[in-house]
């Protein structure tokens, strides 16, 4: 089986590109890591539920991605399925092309991590009121500010989804806003962390 390195643009051994599969050295954990969460959250939004291709914002090595997907499959959060989509190929078995797709358990894990019910509608585009800049945010930092200044604020999961940042990157950005003088409040709503920047008036 040929295991190409899509993340570096090369391929090992030539031939068709796919991610390959190694089933050794994986351990089960009780909580989703940031990488597991992002992979599952992206897959949950895809029509075919495929874990691959990964978001370009993840910045993970091929080996790290392989270990992460193996762990998801072992824990029942993802499963293998036949695919005709070259971009979704996880591994190959002869002429059979196999994808790694999210399971119902994987979707439930994402919903639990988000502090939302599994059937909740996806996040709508952030709406800015008259107290915020009228133009559509052009940077992730501006988008972050716009969402925080909404009356309802934004959960960590919503901020992660909108910016494509990892959770720890999003938390660091919130800390950065506080250091710049923004008053970012935090509270718990239905078990989820909710952040807001109070707007006067």
N, C-alpha and C. Protein backbone atom coordinates (compact mmCIF):
# COMPACT_ATOMS: atom_id res chain seq x y z
N UNK A 1 0.85 -1.20 0.00
CA UNK A 1 0.00 0.00 0.00
C UNK A 1 0.88 1.24 0.00
N UNK A 2 0.52 2.20 -0.83
CA UNK A 2 1.32 3.42 -0.97
C UNK A 2 0.76 4.50 -0.07
N UNK A 3 1.63 5.15 0.68
CA UNK A 3 1.17 6.20 1.62
C UNK A 3 1.79 7.52 1.21
N UNK A 4 1.05 8.38 0.49
CA UNK A 4 1.58 9.66 0.05
C UNK A 4 1.56 10.69 1.16
N UNK A 5 2.30 11.72 0.96
CA UNK A 5 2.33 12.82 1.93
C UNK A 5 1.68 14.03 1.31
N UNK A 6 0.33 14.10 1.43
CA UNK A 6 -0.37 15.24 0.83
C UNK A 6 0.01 16.55 1.51
N UNK A 7 0.29 16.47 2.79
CA UNK A 7 0.53 17.70 3.52
C UNK A 7 1.81 18.38 3.07
N UNK A 8 2.77 17.60 2.52
CA UNK A 8 4.01 18.21 2.04
C UNK A 8 4.07 18.23 0.53
N UNK A 9 3.00 17.74 -0.11
CA UNK A 9 2.91 17.80 -1.57
C UNK A 9 3.64 16.67 -2.26
N UNK A 10 4.23 15.70 -1.53
CA UNK A 10 4.96 14.62 -2.15
C UNK A 10 4.21 13.32 -2.02
N UNK A 11 4.81 12.23 -2.53
CA UNK A 11 4.19 10.93 -2.41
C UNK A 11 5.28 9.90 -2.23
N UNK A 12 5.01 8.91 -1.40
CA UNK A 12 5.97 7.87 -1.15
C UNK A 12 5.68 6.72 -2.10
N UNK A 13 6.59 6.41 -3.00
CA UNK A 13 6.43 5.27 -3.88
C UNK A 13 5.67 5.55 -5.14
N UNK A 14 5.16 6.78 -5.34
CA UNK A 14 4.44 7.12 -6.56
C UNK A 14 3.04 6.54 -6.55
N UNK A 15 2.37 6.58 -7.72
CA UNK A 15 1.03 6.01 -7.84
C UNK A 15 -0.03 6.94 -7.28
N UNK A 16 -1.24 6.38 -7.09
CA UNK A 16 -2.35 7.19 -6.59
C UNK A 16 -2.08 7.65 -5.17
N UNK A 17 -2.61 8.81 -4.85
CA UNK A 17 -2.40 9.36 -3.53
C UNK A 17 -3.55 8.97 -2.61
N UNK A 18 -3.23 8.48 -1.43
CA UNK A 18 -4.19 8.29 -0.37
C UNK A 18 -3.45 8.38 0.94
N UNK A 19 -4.21 8.43 2.03
CA UNK A 19 -3.59 8.74 3.32
C UNK A 19 -2.93 7.55 3.99
N UNK A 20 -3.33 6.36 3.66
CA UNK A 20 -2.74 5.18 4.28
C UNK A 20 -3.34 4.94 5.65
N UNK A 21 -3.00 3.82 6.25
CA UNK A 21 -3.59 3.49 7.54
C UNK A 21 -2.64 2.64 8.36
N UNK A 22 -2.33 3.07 9.55
CA UNK A 22 -1.51 2.31 10.48
C UNK A 22 -2.30 2.12 11.75
N UNK A 23 -2.40 0.91 12.24
CA UNK A 23 -3.27 0.64 13.38
C UNK A 23 -2.49 0.31 14.64
N UNK A 24 -1.23 0.71 14.71
CA UNK A 24 -0.44 0.41 15.88
C UNK A 24 -0.19 1.68 16.70
N UNK A 25 -0.08 1.50 18.00
CA UNK A 25 0.33 2.60 18.87
C UNK A 25 -0.75 3.56 19.25
N UNK A 26 -2.03 3.26 18.90
CA UNK A 26 -3.11 4.17 19.26
C UNK A 26 -3.64 3.83 20.65
N UNK A 27 -4.02 4.84 21.39
CA UNK A 27 -4.62 4.63 22.69
C UNK A 27 -5.93 5.36 22.75
N UNK A 28 -6.88 4.81 23.51
CA UNK A 28 -8.18 5.45 23.62
C UNK A 28 -8.14 6.49 24.73
N UNK A 29 -8.86 7.56 24.54
CA UNK A 29 -8.94 8.60 25.55
C UNK A 29 -10.40 8.86 25.88
N UNK A 30 -10.66 9.48 27.01
CA UNK A 30 -12.03 9.71 27.43
C UNK A 30 -12.59 11.01 26.90
N UNK A 31 -11.73 11.91 26.45
CA UNK A 31 -12.19 13.19 25.92
C UNK A 31 -11.62 13.42 24.53
N UNK A 32 -12.31 14.24 23.75
CA UNK A 32 -11.82 14.60 22.43
C UNK A 32 -10.65 15.57 22.57
N UNK A 33 -9.57 15.30 21.87
CA UNK A 33 -8.50 16.28 21.80
C UNK A 33 -8.93 17.39 20.85
N UNK A 34 -8.18 18.49 20.81
CA UNK A 34 -8.51 19.57 19.89
C UNK A 34 -8.53 19.05 18.45
N UNK A 35 -7.53 18.23 18.08
CA UNK A 35 -7.46 17.70 16.72
C UNK A 35 -8.63 16.79 16.42
N UNK A 36 -8.97 15.88 17.34
CA UNK A 36 -10.11 14.99 17.13
C UNK A 36 -11.39 15.81 16.95
N UNK A 37 -11.56 16.83 17.80
CA UNK A 37 -12.77 17.66 17.71
C UNK A 37 -12.88 18.33 16.34
N UNK A 38 -11.79 18.94 15.88
CA UNK A 38 -11.83 19.66 14.61
C UNK A 38 -12.10 18.70 13.45
N UNK A 39 -11.45 17.55 13.44
CA UNK A 39 -11.67 16.57 12.36
C UNK A 39 -13.13 16.12 12.32
N UNK A 40 -13.69 15.83 13.49
CA UNK A 40 -15.08 15.38 13.54
C UNK A 40 -16.06 16.51 13.22
N UNK A 41 -15.77 17.72 13.72
CA UNK A 41 -16.67 18.85 13.48
C UNK A 41 -16.75 19.18 12.00
N UNK A 42 -15.62 19.10 11.29
CA UNK A 42 -15.61 19.36 9.85
C UNK A 42 -16.35 18.25 9.11
N UNK A 43 -16.10 17.00 9.51
CA UNK A 43 -16.76 15.86 8.87
C UNK A 43 -18.28 15.94 9.05
N UNK A 44 -18.71 16.39 10.24
CA UNK A 44 -20.15 16.47 10.53
C UNK A 44 -20.87 17.44 9.60
N UNK A 45 -20.14 18.42 9.09
CA UNK A 45 -20.75 19.42 8.20
C UNK A 45 -20.72 19.00 6.74
N UNK A 46 -19.99 17.92 6.42
CA UNK A 46 -19.90 17.46 5.04
C UNK A 46 -21.04 16.51 4.71
N UNK A 47 -21.54 16.59 3.48
CA UNK A 47 -22.65 15.74 3.06
C UNK A 47 -22.29 14.27 3.14
N UNK A 48 -21.03 13.93 2.81
CA UNK A 48 -20.61 12.53 2.83
C UNK A 48 -20.00 12.12 4.16
N UNK A 49 -19.87 13.06 5.10
CA UNK A 49 -19.35 12.74 6.43
C UNK A 49 -17.89 12.36 6.46
N UNK A 50 -17.15 12.64 5.40
CA UNK A 50 -15.75 12.21 5.32
C UNK A 50 -14.84 13.04 6.23
N UNK A 51 -13.90 12.33 6.90
CA UNK A 51 -12.91 13.01 7.72
C UNK A 51 -11.92 13.76 6.83
N UNK A 52 -11.64 13.21 5.67
CA UNK A 52 -10.68 13.80 4.73
C UNK A 52 -11.39 14.48 3.57
N UNK A 53 -10.77 15.47 2.95
CA UNK A 53 -9.46 16.04 3.28
C UNK A 53 -9.56 16.93 4.52
N UNK A 54 -8.44 17.10 5.24
CA UNK A 54 -8.48 17.94 6.44
C UNK A 54 -8.49 19.42 6.07
N UNK A 55 -8.95 20.24 7.00
CA UNK A 55 -8.89 21.68 6.79
C UNK A 55 -7.44 22.15 6.71
N UNK A 56 -7.17 23.09 5.83
CA UNK A 56 -5.81 23.61 5.69
C UNK A 56 -5.36 24.37 6.93
N UNK A 57 -6.31 24.72 7.81
CA UNK A 57 -5.96 25.49 9.01
C UNK A 57 -5.47 24.61 10.14
N UNK A 58 -5.58 23.28 10.00
CA UNK A 58 -5.22 22.38 11.10
C UNK A 58 -3.72 22.37 11.34
N UNK A 59 -2.93 22.27 10.25
CA UNK A 59 -1.49 22.29 10.39
C UNK A 59 -0.92 21.08 11.09
N UNK A 60 -1.45 19.88 10.79
CA UNK A 60 -0.98 18.65 11.41
C UNK A 60 -0.14 17.87 10.42
N UNK A 61 0.83 17.10 10.94
CA UNK A 61 1.65 16.27 10.06
C UNK A 61 0.85 15.06 9.59
N UNK A 62 1.35 14.41 8.54
CA UNK A 62 0.68 13.22 8.03
C UNK A 62 0.62 12.14 9.10
N UNK A 63 1.74 11.95 9.82
CA UNK A 63 1.78 10.92 10.86
C UNK A 63 0.77 11.23 11.97
N UNK A 64 0.69 12.51 12.36
CA UNK A 64 -0.25 12.91 13.40
C UNK A 64 -1.69 12.71 12.96
N UNK A 65 -1.97 13.01 11.69
CA UNK A 65 -3.32 12.83 11.17
C UNK A 65 -3.68 11.35 11.12
N UNK A 66 -2.73 10.51 10.70
CA UNK A 66 -2.96 9.07 10.64
C UNK A 66 -3.29 8.53 12.02
N UNK A 67 -2.52 8.92 13.04
CA UNK A 67 -2.78 8.46 14.40
C UNK A 67 -4.15 8.92 14.88
N UNK A 68 -4.48 10.17 14.57
CA UNK A 68 -5.76 10.72 15.03
C UNK A 68 -6.94 9.96 14.43
N UNK A 69 -6.89 9.69 13.12
CA UNK A 69 -8.00 9.00 12.47
C UNK A 69 -8.08 7.55 12.94
N UNK A 70 -6.95 6.91 13.12
CA UNK A 70 -6.95 5.55 13.67
C UNK A 70 -7.65 5.51 15.02
N UNK A 71 -7.35 6.50 15.86
CA UNK A 71 -7.97 6.58 17.18
C UNK A 71 -9.48 6.76 17.07
N UNK A 72 -9.93 7.64 16.16
CA UNK A 72 -11.36 7.87 15.97
C UNK A 72 -12.07 6.60 15.52
N UNK A 73 -11.43 5.84 14.62
CA UNK A 73 -12.02 4.59 14.14
C UNK A 73 -12.09 3.57 15.28
N UNK A 74 -11.02 3.45 16.05
CA UNK A 74 -10.99 2.50 17.17
C UNK A 74 -12.05 2.82 18.22
N UNK A 75 -12.31 4.10 18.42
CA UNK A 75 -13.28 4.51 19.43
C UNK A 75 -14.70 4.51 18.90
N UNK A 76 -14.89 4.18 17.62
CA UNK A 76 -16.22 4.13 17.05
C UNK A 76 -16.78 5.48 16.67
N UNK A 77 -15.93 6.52 16.69
CA UNK A 77 -16.37 7.86 16.32
C UNK A 77 -16.29 8.08 14.81
N UNK A 78 -15.57 7.20 14.14
CA UNK A 78 -15.49 7.19 12.68
C UNK A 78 -15.47 5.74 12.24
N UNK A 79 -15.80 5.50 10.98
CA UNK A 79 -15.80 4.15 10.45
C UNK A 79 -15.36 4.19 8.99
N UNK A 80 -14.95 3.05 8.47
CA UNK A 80 -14.51 2.97 7.08
C UNK A 80 -15.69 2.69 6.17
N UNK A 81 -15.66 3.29 4.98
CA UNK A 81 -16.73 3.12 4.00
C UNK A 81 -16.14 3.28 2.60
N UNK A 82 -16.71 2.58 1.64
CA UNK A 82 -16.25 2.69 0.26
C UNK A 82 -16.51 4.10 -0.25
N UNK A 83 -15.62 4.59 -1.11
CA UNK A 83 -15.77 5.93 -1.66
C UNK A 83 -15.27 5.98 -3.10
N UNK A 84 -15.85 6.89 -3.86
CA UNK A 84 -15.37 7.14 -5.22
C UNK A 84 -14.70 8.49 -5.30
N UNK A 85 -14.70 9.22 -4.19
CA UNK A 85 -14.10 10.55 -4.13
C UNK A 85 -12.62 10.43 -3.82
N UNK A 86 -11.77 10.82 -4.75
CA UNK A 86 -10.32 10.70 -4.57
C UNK A 86 -9.84 11.49 -3.35
N UNK A 87 -10.45 12.63 -3.08
CA UNK A 87 -10.02 13.46 -1.96
C UNK A 87 -10.37 12.87 -0.60
N UNK A 88 -11.30 11.91 -0.59
CA UNK A 88 -11.76 11.33 0.67
C UNK A 88 -11.08 10.01 0.99
N UNK A 89 -10.20 9.53 0.12
CA UNK A 89 -9.60 8.22 0.32
C UNK A 89 -8.70 8.19 1.55
N UNK A 90 -9.01 7.27 2.45
CA UNK A 90 -8.25 7.08 3.67
C UNK A 90 -7.20 6.00 3.47
N UNK A 91 -7.61 4.90 2.84
CA UNK A 91 -6.69 3.84 2.50
C UNK A 91 -7.26 3.04 1.33
N UNK A 92 -6.45 2.16 0.76
CA UNK A 92 -6.89 1.34 -0.36
C UNK A 92 -6.64 -0.12 -0.06
N UNK A 93 -7.55 -0.96 -0.50
CA UNK A 93 -7.41 -2.41 -0.36
C UNK A 93 -7.59 -3.00 -1.75
N UNK A 94 -6.47 -3.16 -2.45
CA UNK A 94 -6.55 -3.56 -3.85
C UNK A 94 -7.16 -2.43 -4.66
N UNK A 95 -8.25 -2.75 -5.37
CA UNK A 95 -8.94 -1.72 -6.15
C UNK A 95 -9.99 -0.98 -5.32
N UNK A 96 -10.20 -1.44 -4.11
CA UNK A 96 -11.20 -0.82 -3.25
C UNK A 96 -10.66 0.46 -2.63
N UNK A 97 -11.41 1.54 -2.76
CA UNK A 97 -11.05 2.83 -2.18
C UNK A 97 -11.90 3.05 -0.93
N UNK A 98 -11.24 3.34 0.18
CA UNK A 98 -11.93 3.39 1.47
C UNK A 98 -11.76 4.76 2.11
N UNK A 99 -12.87 5.32 2.57
CA UNK A 99 -12.87 6.60 3.28
C UNK A 99 -13.10 6.37 4.76
N UNK A 100 -12.70 7.33 5.59
CA UNK A 100 -13.04 7.33 7.02
C UNK A 100 -14.14 8.36 7.20
N UNK A 101 -15.31 7.93 7.66
CA UNK A 101 -16.46 8.83 7.78
C UNK A 101 -16.94 8.86 9.23
N UNK A 102 -17.52 9.97 9.61
CA UNK A 102 -18.00 10.15 10.97
C UNK A 102 -19.21 9.25 11.24
N UNK A 103 -19.31 8.74 12.44
CA UNK A 103 -20.45 7.91 12.84
C UNK A 103 -21.43 8.74 13.67
N UNK A 104 -22.57 8.12 14.01
CA UNK A 104 -23.53 8.81 14.86
C UNK A 104 -22.90 9.13 16.22
N UNK A 105 -22.05 8.21 16.69
CA UNK A 105 -21.37 8.45 17.97
C UNK A 105 -20.42 9.64 17.85
N UNK A 106 -19.79 9.79 16.68
CA UNK A 106 -18.91 10.92 16.45
C UNK A 106 -19.67 12.23 16.44
N UNK A 107 -20.83 12.23 15.80
CA UNK A 107 -21.67 13.45 15.77
C UNK A 107 -22.14 13.80 17.18
N UNK A 108 -22.48 12.78 17.96
CA UNK A 108 -22.92 13.02 19.33
C UNK A 108 -21.79 13.60 20.17
N UNK A 109 -20.56 13.13 19.92
CA UNK A 109 -19.40 13.64 20.66
C UNK A 109 -19.15 15.11 20.34
N UNK A 110 -19.31 15.48 19.07
CA UNK A 110 -19.15 16.88 18.67
C UNK A 110 -20.21 17.74 19.34
N UNK A 111 -21.46 17.24 19.32
CA UNK A 111 -22.55 17.99 19.93
C UNK A 111 -22.32 18.16 21.43
N UNK A 112 -21.81 17.10 22.08
CA UNK A 112 -21.53 17.18 23.51
C UNK A 112 -20.42 18.17 23.80
N UNK A 113 -19.37 18.16 22.96
CA UNK A 113 -18.27 19.10 23.14
C UNK A 113 -18.73 20.54 22.92
N UNK A 114 -19.69 20.70 22.02
CA UNK A 114 -20.23 22.04 21.74
C UNK A 114 -21.21 22.50 22.80
N UNK A 115 -21.66 21.56 23.63
CA UNK A 115 -22.67 21.91 24.61
C UNK A 115 -24.02 22.14 23.98
N UNK A 116 -24.23 21.46 22.83
CA UNK A 116 -25.47 21.64 22.08
C UNK A 116 -26.16 20.30 21.91
N UNK A 117 -27.42 20.33 21.54
CA UNK A 117 -28.14 19.12 21.20
C UNK A 117 -27.69 18.69 19.80
N UNK A 118 -27.62 17.37 19.52
CA UNK A 118 -27.13 16.89 18.23
C UNK A 118 -27.89 17.43 17.03
N UNK A 119 -29.16 17.73 17.18
CA UNK A 119 -29.97 18.16 16.05
C UNK A 119 -30.01 19.67 15.88
N UNK A 120 -29.24 20.40 16.68
CA UNK A 120 -29.29 21.86 16.62
C UNK A 120 -28.85 22.36 15.25
N UNK A 121 -29.50 23.41 14.78
CA UNK A 121 -29.18 23.97 13.47
C UNK A 121 -27.78 24.56 13.48
N UNK A 122 -27.11 24.57 12.31
CA UNK A 122 -25.75 25.14 12.25
C UNK A 122 -25.75 26.63 12.53
N UNK A 123 -24.60 27.14 12.91
CA UNK A 123 -24.44 28.55 13.24
C UNK A 123 -24.74 29.44 12.05
N UNK A 124 -25.59 30.43 12.28
CA UNK A 124 -25.90 31.39 11.23
C UNK A 124 -24.79 32.42 11.14
N UNK A 125 -24.74 33.12 10.02
CA UNK A 125 -23.72 34.14 9.84
C UNK A 125 -23.92 35.23 10.88
N UNK A 126 -22.86 35.71 11.49
CA UNK A 126 -22.98 36.73 12.55
C UNK A 126 -23.60 38.01 12.02
N UNK A 127 -24.49 38.60 12.83
CA UNK A 127 -25.14 39.84 12.45
C UNK A 127 -24.58 40.97 13.30
N UNK A 128 -24.22 42.05 12.69
CA UNK A 128 -23.68 43.20 13.41
C UNK A 128 -24.77 44.24 13.63
N UNK A 129 -24.80 44.82 14.82
CA UNK A 129 -25.78 45.87 15.07
C UNK A 129 -25.15 47.23 14.75
N UNK A 130 -25.93 48.28 15.01
CA UNK A 130 -25.47 49.63 14.63
C UNK A 130 -24.27 50.08 15.43
N UNK A 131 -23.98 49.41 16.56
CA UNK A 131 -22.86 49.83 17.38
C UNK A 131 -21.54 49.26 16.88
N UNK A 132 -21.60 48.34 15.91
CA UNK A 132 -20.39 47.74 15.37
C UNK A 132 -20.14 48.25 13.97
N UNK A 133 -19.02 47.91 13.43
CA UNK A 133 -18.66 48.38 12.09
C UNK A 133 -19.66 47.87 11.08
N UNK A 134 -20.10 48.73 10.19
CA UNK A 134 -21.13 48.35 9.23
C UNK A 134 -20.66 47.37 8.19
N UNK A 135 -19.40 47.43 7.82
CA UNK A 135 -18.90 46.55 6.77
C UNK A 135 -18.69 45.15 7.30
N UNK A 136 -18.75 44.15 6.41
CA UNK A 136 -18.52 42.77 6.78
C UNK A 136 -17.07 42.60 7.25
N UNK A 137 -16.84 41.89 8.36
CA UNK A 137 -15.47 41.72 8.85
C UNK A 137 -14.58 41.10 7.80
N UNK A 138 -13.38 41.62 7.62
CA UNK A 138 -12.46 41.15 6.61
C UNK A 138 -11.38 40.25 7.20
N UNK A 139 -11.23 40.23 8.52
CA UNK A 139 -10.22 39.40 9.15
C UNK A 139 -10.89 38.55 10.23
N UNK A 140 -10.19 37.47 10.64
CA UNK A 140 -10.73 36.62 11.68
C UNK A 140 -10.83 37.37 13.00
N UNK A 141 -9.88 38.28 13.23
CA UNK A 141 -9.92 39.09 14.45
C UNK A 141 -11.16 39.98 14.46
N UNK A 142 -11.48 40.57 13.30
CA UNK A 142 -12.67 41.41 13.19
C UNK A 142 -13.94 40.58 13.34
N UNK A 143 -13.92 39.37 12.78
CA UNK A 143 -15.07 38.47 12.90
C UNK A 143 -15.27 38.09 14.37
N UNK A 144 -14.18 37.82 15.06
CA UNK A 144 -14.24 37.47 16.47
C UNK A 144 -14.89 38.60 17.27
N UNK A 145 -14.44 39.83 17.02
CA UNK A 145 -14.99 40.99 17.72
C UNK A 145 -16.48 41.16 17.43
N UNK A 146 -16.86 40.99 16.15
CA UNK A 146 -18.25 41.18 15.76
C UNK A 146 -19.15 40.16 16.46
N UNK A 147 -18.69 38.92 16.54
CA UNK A 147 -19.50 37.89 17.19
C UNK A 147 -19.61 38.13 18.69
N UNK A 148 -18.52 38.58 19.31
CA UNK A 148 -18.54 38.84 20.75
C UNK A 148 -19.42 40.03 21.10
N UNK A 149 -19.57 40.98 20.18
CA UNK A 149 -20.36 42.18 20.44
C UNK A 149 -21.84 41.98 20.16
N UNK A 150 -22.21 40.81 19.65
CA UNK A 150 -23.64 40.53 19.47
C UNK A 150 -24.30 40.46 20.84
N UNK A 151 -25.58 40.76 20.90
CA UNK A 151 -26.30 40.74 22.18
C UNK A 151 -26.23 39.36 22.82
N UNK A 152 -26.33 38.31 21.99
CA UNK A 152 -26.30 36.95 22.53
C UNK A 152 -24.89 36.42 22.73
N UNK A 153 -23.87 37.18 22.29
CA UNK A 153 -22.50 36.74 22.43
C UNK A 153 -22.21 35.54 21.54
N UNK A 154 -21.25 34.71 21.92
CA UNK A 154 -20.89 33.54 21.14
C UNK A 154 -20.25 32.49 22.04
N UNK A 155 -20.55 31.23 21.77
CA UNK A 155 -19.92 30.15 22.51
C UNK A 155 -18.55 29.88 21.92
N UNK A 156 -17.73 29.16 22.67
CA UNK A 156 -16.41 28.79 22.17
C UNK A 156 -16.55 27.97 20.89
N UNK A 157 -17.51 27.07 20.87
CA UNK A 157 -17.71 26.23 19.69
C UNK A 157 -18.07 27.07 18.46
N UNK A 158 -18.90 28.08 18.65
CA UNK A 158 -19.29 28.96 17.54
C UNK A 158 -18.09 29.75 17.03
N UNK A 159 -17.25 30.22 17.95
CA UNK A 159 -16.06 30.98 17.55
C UNK A 159 -15.09 30.08 16.79
N UNK A 160 -14.92 28.84 17.25
CA UNK A 160 -14.04 27.89 16.58
C UNK A 160 -14.55 27.61 15.17
N UNK A 161 -15.85 27.39 15.06
CA UNK A 161 -16.44 27.08 13.76
C UNK A 161 -16.31 28.24 12.77
N UNK A 162 -16.53 29.46 13.26
CA UNK A 162 -16.51 30.63 12.39
C UNK A 162 -15.10 31.01 11.94
N UNK A 163 -14.11 30.82 12.82
CA UNK A 163 -12.75 31.25 12.50
C UNK A 163 -11.87 30.13 11.95
N UNK A 164 -12.31 28.86 12.14
CA UNK A 164 -11.51 27.68 11.77
C UNK A 164 -10.25 27.54 12.62
N UNK A 165 -10.21 28.26 13.75
CA UNK A 165 -9.09 28.12 14.68
C UNK A 165 -9.33 26.90 15.56
N UNK A 166 -8.26 26.37 16.14
CA UNK A 166 -8.39 25.34 17.15
C UNK A 166 -8.88 25.99 18.45
N UNK A 167 -9.50 25.21 19.34
CA UNK A 167 -10.02 25.80 20.58
C UNK A 167 -8.97 26.55 21.38
N UNK A 168 -7.75 26.00 21.50
CA UNK A 168 -6.74 26.69 22.30
C UNK A 168 -6.28 27.98 21.62
N UNK A 169 -6.31 28.01 20.28
CA UNK A 169 -5.97 29.24 19.56
C UNK A 169 -7.04 30.31 19.79
N UNK A 170 -8.30 29.87 19.82
CA UNK A 170 -9.41 30.80 20.05
C UNK A 170 -9.34 31.38 21.45
N UNK A 171 -9.03 30.53 22.43
CA UNK A 171 -8.89 31.03 23.81
C UNK A 171 -7.74 32.03 23.91
N UNK A 172 -6.65 31.76 23.20
CA UNK A 172 -5.52 32.69 23.21
C UNK A 172 -5.91 34.03 22.60
N UNK A 173 -6.74 33.98 21.54
CA UNK A 173 -7.20 35.21 20.90
C UNK A 173 -8.07 36.01 21.86
N UNK A 174 -8.90 35.32 22.64
CA UNK A 174 -9.74 36.00 23.63
C UNK A 174 -8.86 36.67 24.70
N UNK A 175 -7.82 35.97 25.12
CA UNK A 175 -6.88 36.55 26.08
C UNK A 175 -6.20 37.78 25.49
N UNK A 176 -5.86 37.70 24.20
CA UNK A 176 -5.23 38.83 23.53
C UNK A 176 -6.15 40.04 23.49
N UNK A 177 -7.45 39.82 23.29
CA UNK A 177 -8.40 40.93 23.27
C UNK A 177 -8.47 41.60 24.64
N UNK A 178 -8.43 40.78 25.69
CA UNK A 178 -8.45 41.34 27.05
C UNK A 178 -7.22 42.20 27.30
N UNK A 179 -6.08 41.73 26.81
CA UNK A 179 -4.84 42.48 27.00
C UNK A 179 -4.87 43.81 26.23
N UNK A 180 -5.67 43.86 25.16
CA UNK A 180 -5.80 45.10 24.38
C UNK A 180 -6.82 46.05 24.99
N UNK A 181 -7.44 45.64 26.10
CA UNK A 181 -8.38 46.53 26.78
C UNK A 181 -9.84 46.19 26.59
N UNK A 182 -10.16 45.17 25.80
CA UNK A 182 -11.55 44.78 25.61
C UNK A 182 -12.05 44.04 26.85
N UNK A 183 -13.27 44.33 27.26
CA UNK A 183 -13.87 43.65 28.40
C UNK A 183 -14.62 42.43 27.87
N UNK A 184 -14.00 41.28 27.96
CA UNK A 184 -14.60 40.03 27.48
C UNK A 184 -15.13 39.26 28.68
N UNK A 185 -16.46 39.14 28.76
CA UNK A 185 -17.06 38.41 29.87
C UNK A 185 -17.25 36.94 29.48
N UNK A 186 -17.25 36.08 30.48
CA UNK A 186 -17.42 34.65 30.25
C UNK A 186 -18.47 34.11 31.21
N UNK A 187 -19.35 33.27 30.72
CA UNK A 187 -20.38 32.66 31.56
C UNK A 187 -20.68 31.27 31.01
N UNK A 188 -21.45 30.50 31.74
CA UNK A 188 -21.84 29.16 31.34
C UNK A 188 -23.33 29.15 31.00
N UNK A 189 -23.66 28.65 29.81
CA UNK A 189 -25.06 28.51 29.39
C UNK A 189 -25.26 27.09 28.89
N UNK A 190 -26.09 26.34 29.60
CA UNK A 190 -26.33 24.93 29.25
C UNK A 190 -25.03 24.15 29.16
N UNK A 191 -24.09 24.46 30.04
CA UNK A 191 -22.83 23.74 30.08
C UNK A 191 -21.78 24.22 29.09
N UNK A 192 -22.11 25.17 28.23
CA UNK A 192 -21.18 25.69 27.24
C UNK A 192 -20.66 27.06 27.67
N UNK A 193 -19.40 27.33 27.37
CA UNK A 193 -18.80 28.62 27.71
C UNK A 193 -19.31 29.69 26.72
N UNK A 194 -19.86 30.77 27.25
CA UNK A 194 -20.41 31.85 26.43
C UNK A 194 -19.59 33.10 26.69
N UNK A 195 -19.13 33.76 25.61
CA UNK A 195 -18.30 34.96 25.72
C UNK A 195 -19.02 36.15 25.09
N UNK A 196 -18.85 37.33 25.71
CA UNK A 196 -19.46 38.55 25.19
C UNK A 196 -18.55 39.73 25.46
N UNK A 197 -18.68 40.75 24.61
CA UNK A 197 -18.10 42.07 24.88
C UNK A 197 -19.27 43.02 24.98
N UNK A 198 -19.61 43.47 26.19
CA UNK A 198 -20.77 44.37 26.37
C UNK A 198 -20.59 45.64 25.54
N UNK A 199 -21.66 46.00 24.86
CA UNK A 199 -21.65 47.21 24.04
C UNK A 199 -22.54 48.26 24.70
N UNK A 200 -21.98 49.42 24.98
CA UNK A 200 -22.74 50.48 25.66
C UNK A 200 -23.91 50.93 24.81
N UNK A 201 -25.01 51.23 25.49
CA UNK A 201 -26.16 51.78 24.79
C UNK A 201 -27.08 50.71 24.32
